Amino acid sequence: MKKNISLAIIPARGGSRGIPRKNLELIGDKPLVAHTIEHAKKAKNVDVFLVNSDDAEIRTVAESYGALTMDRPDMYAHDKILQEVDLLLKWTVEAYETAHPEERVDIVVLLYPTAPLRDVKAIDQAIELVRDEDYDSALSLYYDDSYLWQINEDGKTVRPTNYDPNKRMPRQKESWNQWVENKAVYAIKRSVLFEVGRIGPKTGLVEMDKWRSIDIDNPSDLELARAV
């Protein structure tokens, strides 16, 4: 009988539009990708973790921090299509199972390396929602109490989207149900990933502090993470 496992996948491309080779940029004394490897290593509900990359140097660095690695096919070495990550996750699951026929991936965990400040507990909580409480998927979010506006069709004037300025209350008394996806943690049932995608019909929430939700996309994000 095959052993069911939870597999954490860390996708780390060599290319990046905002910050060239950002996964190797140092935050503290470690490369960016190493922070997420250590999060996966500390999570008690992660059975196996690996870094999927098209870049040999990133794979070498990942291995030095204790991660399994997998060479990413050229067809997934870009971010030109919205479904690329889901396709990459499916490919990685199948490739891992081919290499380890005694194991079956039951829960897939997606950990972007661009979240160096994530709370490790959020990884375990997301897996528990899927494994123990029968959620299709779970993801990390942070609560947002921002007053949001959008630009009108004329391209000049603006209007509020989540409150009435004439009935504005103190921020702490507003009752918004407003959350932001921080791209730090996703956990998905294998069947849901292959049939639907990484966000299933019944999706659970793992709350994370806003300060832990930095997503490294441009140089200012990098400097902010270094300052925390």
Protein backbone atom coordinates (compact mmCIF):
# COMPACT_ATOMS: atom_id res chain seq x y z
CA MET A 1 0.00 0.00 0.00
CA LYS A 2 1.27 3.46 -0.89
CA LYS A 3 1.95 5.98 1.85
CA ASN A 4 -0.10 9.19 1.63
CA ILE A 5 2.00 12.31 2.12
CA SER A 6 1.74 16.08 2.12
CA LEU A 7 4.12 17.60 -0.42
CA ALA A 8 5.20 21.24 -0.12
CA ILE A 9 6.29 22.71 -3.44
CA ILE A 10 8.42 25.86 -3.58
CA PRO A 11 8.45 27.24 -7.15
CA ALA A 12 11.55 29.37 -7.71
CA ARG A 13 12.19 30.67 -11.21
CA GLY A 14 15.58 32.00 -12.19
CA GLY A 15 14.05 34.92 -14.06
CA SER A 16 12.08 37.78 -12.53
CA ARG A 17 10.69 40.97 -14.00
CA GLY A 18 10.83 43.15 -10.91
CA ILE A 19 14.10 41.98 -9.32
CA PRO A 20 16.63 40.03 -11.41
CA ARG A 21 17.33 36.64 -9.79
CA LYS A 22 15.42 37.70 -6.71
CA ASN A 23 15.28 34.21 -5.21
CA LEU A 24 19.01 34.49 -4.50
CA GLU A 25 18.83 38.00 -3.00
CA LEU A 26 19.92 38.07 0.63
CA ILE A 27 17.49 38.84 3.44
CA GLY A 28 19.49 38.78 6.62
CA ASP A 29 22.16 36.15 6.16
CA LYS A 30 20.17 33.86 3.86
CA PRO A 31 18.99 33.91 0.25
CA LEU A 32 15.28 34.63 -0.22
CA VAL A 33 14.45 31.06 -1.21
CA ALA A 34 16.16 29.69 1.93
CA HIS A 35 13.64 31.36 4.24
CA THR A 36 10.77 29.40 2.73
CA ILE A 37 12.79 26.18 2.79
CA GLU A 38 13.29 26.66 6.52
CA HIS A 39 9.56 27.35 6.99
CA ALA A 40 8.72 24.07 5.25
CA LYS A 41 11.35 22.25 7.31
CA LYS A 42 9.84 23.54 10.58
CA ALA A 43 6.21 22.78 9.67
CA LYS A 44 5.21 19.60 11.48
CA ASN A 45 2.50 18.67 8.95
CA VAL A 46 4.76 18.83 5.88
CA ASP A 47 6.08 15.37 5.03
CA VAL A 48 8.23 16.26 2.02
CA PHE A 49 9.32 19.61 0.61
CA LEU A 50 11.07 20.43 -2.63
CA VAL A 51 12.17 23.39 -4.69
CA ASN A 52 11.15 23.36 -8.33
CA SER A 53 13.40 25.60 -10.43
CA ASP A 54 14.69 26.08 -13.96
CA ASP A 55 17.90 27.57 -12.51
CA ALA A 56 20.85 25.35 -11.57
CA GLU A 57 22.26 27.82 -9.04
CA ILE A 58 18.94 28.08 -7.22
CA ARG A 59 18.71 24.29 -7.07
CA THR A 60 22.24 24.09 -5.66
CA VAL A 61 21.45 26.68 -2.99
CA ALA A 62 18.18 24.91 -2.14
CA GLU A 63 19.97 21.59 -1.71
CA SER A 64 22.51 23.23 0.61
CA TYR A 65 19.59 24.19 2.88
CA GLY A 66 18.21 20.66 2.89
CA ALA A 67 15.56 20.75 0.17
CA LEU A 68 14.91 18.19 -2.52
CA THR A 69 15.04 19.83 -5.94
CA MET A 70 13.47 19.29 -9.32
CA ASP A 71 14.45 20.77 -12.68
CA ARG A 72 11.52 22.71 -14.09
CA PRO A 73 10.62 22.07 -17.76
CA ASP A 74 11.08 24.98 -20.16
CA MET A 75 7.32 25.15 -20.74
CA TYR A 76 6.85 26.24 -17.11
CA ALA A 77 9.85 28.57 -16.87
CA HIS A 78 7.79 31.74 -17.34
CA ASP A 79 4.69 33.46 -15.94
CA LYS A 80 2.82 34.24 -19.15
CA ILE A 81 -0.36 32.29 -18.43
CA LEU A 82 -2.63 32.54 -15.41
CA GLN A 83 -2.86 28.78 -14.90
CA GLU A 84 0.89 28.20 -15.06
CA VAL A 85 1.29 27.55 -11.34
CA ASP A 86 -1.55 25.00 -11.26
CA LEU A 87 -0.04 23.20 -14.26
CA LEU A 88 3.38 23.26 -12.62
CA LEU A 89 1.96 21.84 -9.37
CA LYS A 90 0.30 18.98 -11.24
CA TRP A 91 3.47 18.23 -13.19
CA THR A 92 5.55 18.28 -10.00
CA VAL A 93 3.19 15.92 -8.17
CA GLU A 94 3.27 13.43 -11.02
CA ALA A 95 7.06 13.69 -11.40
CA TYR A 96 7.58 13.17 -7.66
CA GLU A 97 5.32 10.12 -7.61
CA THR A 98 7.13 8.64 -10.61
CA ALA A 99 10.41 9.00 -8.73
CA HIS A 100 8.87 7.70 -5.47
CA PRO A 101 6.34 5.00 -6.45
CA GLU A 102 5.87 3.95 -2.84
CA GLU A 103 4.27 7.32 -2.01
CA ARG A 104 1.08 9.09 -3.09
CA VAL A 105 0.71 12.86 -2.71
CA ASP A 106 -2.55 13.40 -0.85
CA ILE A 107 -2.20 17.11 0.03
CA VAL A 108 -0.32 19.65 -2.06
CA VAL A 109 1.12 22.71 -0.32
CA LEU A 110 2.21 25.72 -2.37
CA LEU A 111 4.76 27.98 -0.71
CA TYR A 112 5.93 30.91 -2.82
CA PRO A 113 9.53 31.86 -1.94
CA THR A 114 8.51 35.52 -2.04
CA ALA A 115 6.99 35.36 1.47
CA PRO A 116 10.05 35.30 3.76
CA LEU A 117 8.14 36.45 6.85
CA ARG A 118 5.29 33.92 6.79
CA ASP A 119 4.18 32.34 10.06
CA VAL A 120 5.11 28.65 10.09
CA LYS A 121 1.97 27.89 12.10
CA ALA A 122 -0.09 29.00 9.10
CA ILE A 123 1.34 26.14 7.05
CA ASP A 124 0.30 23.58 9.64
CA GLN A 125 -3.13 25.17 10.10
CA ALA A 126 -3.84 25.16 6.37
CA ILE A 127 -2.90 21.49 6.08
CA GLU A 128 -5.09 20.62 9.07
CA LEU A 129 -8.11 22.34 7.50
CA VAL A 130 -7.73 20.20 4.40
CA ARG A 131 -6.68 16.97 6.13
CA ASP A 132 -8.86 17.00 9.24
CA GLU A 133 -11.83 19.27 8.48
CA ASP A 134 -12.54 18.26 4.88
CA TYR A 135 -11.90 21.59 3.21
CA ASP A 136 -11.05 21.39 -0.49
CA SER A 137 -8.33 23.98 -0.03
CA ALA A 138 -7.08 26.60 2.40
CA LEU A 139 -5.05 29.78 2.02
CA SER A 140 -3.53 32.51 4.15
CA LEU A 141 -5.14 35.96 4.23
CA TYR A 142 -4.78 39.13 6.26
CA TYR A 143 -7.55 41.44 7.40
CA ASP A 144 -7.68 44.77 5.59
CA ASP A 145 -9.40 47.89 6.92
CA SER A 146 -8.42 50.18 4.04
CA TYR A 147 -10.79 52.75 2.60
CA LEU A 148 -10.83 51.72 -1.05
CA TRP A 149 -11.48 53.87 -4.12
CA GLN A 150 -11.58 53.29 -7.85
CA ILE A 151 -11.23 55.49 -10.91
CA ASN A 152 -14.42 56.18 -12.86
CA GLU A 153 -14.90 55.55 -16.55
CA ASP A 154 -13.88 59.13 -17.39
CA GLY A 155 -10.38 58.34 -16.15
CA LYS A 156 -10.32 61.44 -13.95
CA THR A 157 -12.82 61.29 -11.10
CA VAL A 158 -12.92 58.66 -8.37
CA ARG A 159 -15.49 56.95 -6.15
CA PRO A 160 -15.32 54.82 -2.99
CA THR A 161 -15.89 51.10 -3.32
CA ASN A 162 -16.35 49.86 0.24
CA TYR A 163 -17.85 52.71 2.27
CA ASP A 164 -19.96 55.85 2.12
CA PRO A 165 -17.84 58.95 2.92
CA ASN A 166 -20.93 60.70 4.29
CA LYS A 167 -21.51 57.90 6.80
CA ARG A 168 -17.90 57.25 7.65
CA MET A 169 -17.23 55.72 11.08
CA PRO A 170 -14.00 55.50 13.06
CA ARG A 171 -11.84 52.83 11.44
CA GLN A 172 -11.99 50.53 14.46
CA LYS A 173 -15.80 50.53 14.33
CA GLU A 174 -16.15 49.71 10.64
CA SER A 175 -17.52 46.21 10.09
CA TRP A 176 -15.91 45.25 6.80
CA ASN A 177 -15.52 41.64 5.81
CA GLN A 178 -12.46 42.40 3.73
CA TRP A 179 -9.44 40.12 3.43
CA VAL A 180 -6.33 40.10 1.24
CA GLU A 181 -4.67 37.05 -0.30
CA ASN A 182 -1.02 37.30 0.72
CA LYS A 183 0.41 34.44 -1.40
CA ALA A 184 2.16 32.89 1.60
CA VAL A 185 0.39 29.53 2.09
CA TYR A 186 -1.93 27.33 0.04
CA ALA A 187 -2.97 23.77 0.84
CA ILE A 188 -5.04 21.74 -1.61
CA LYS A 189 -6.49 18.27 -1.82
CA ARG A 190 -4.81 16.41 -4.63
CA SER A 191 -8.14 15.58 -6.28
CA VAL A 192 -9.25 19.21 -6.17
CA LEU A 193 -5.99 20.45 -7.69
CA PHE A 194 -6.28 18.07 -10.63
CA GLU A 195 -10.02 18.56 -11.20
CA VAL A 196 -10.52 22.26 -10.35
CA GLY A 197 -7.31 24.09 -9.45
CA ARG A 198 -5.56 25.26 -6.33
CA ILE A 199 -8.67 27.06 -5.01
CA GLY A 200 -11.55 24.66 -4.47
CA PRO A 201 -15.28 25.26 -3.89
CA LYS A 202 -14.92 24.87 -0.11
CA THR A 203 -11.92 27.00 0.86
CA GLY A 204 -10.80 27.72 4.39
CA LEU A 205 -9.05 30.77 5.84
CA VAL A 206 -5.83 30.92 7.81
CA GLU A 207 -5.34 34.41 9.21
CA MET A 208 -1.87 35.92 9.14
CA ASP A 209 -0.64 39.25 10.47
CA LYS A 210 -0.28 41.97 7.86
CA TRP A 211 3.38 42.55 8.70
CA ARG A 212 4.12 38.92 7.92
CA SER A 213 2.41 39.23 4.54
CA ILE A 214 5.15 41.01 2.58
CA ASP A 215 5.26 39.58 -0.95
CA ILE A 216 8.61 40.32 -2.59
CA ASP A 217 7.79 41.67 -6.05
CA ASN A 218 9.90 44.82 -6.44
CA PRO A 219 12.99 46.40 -4.84
CA SER A 220 10.96 48.34 -2.26
CA ASP A 221 9.41 45.07 -0.99
CA LEU A 222 12.90 43.66 -0.62
CA GLU A 223 14.11 46.62 1.40
CA LEU A 224 11.01 46.49 3.61
CA ALA A 225 11.57 42.80 4.37
CA ARG A 226 15.20 43.50 5.24
CA ALA A 227 14.13 46.25 7.63
CA VAL A 228 11.61 44.14 9.57
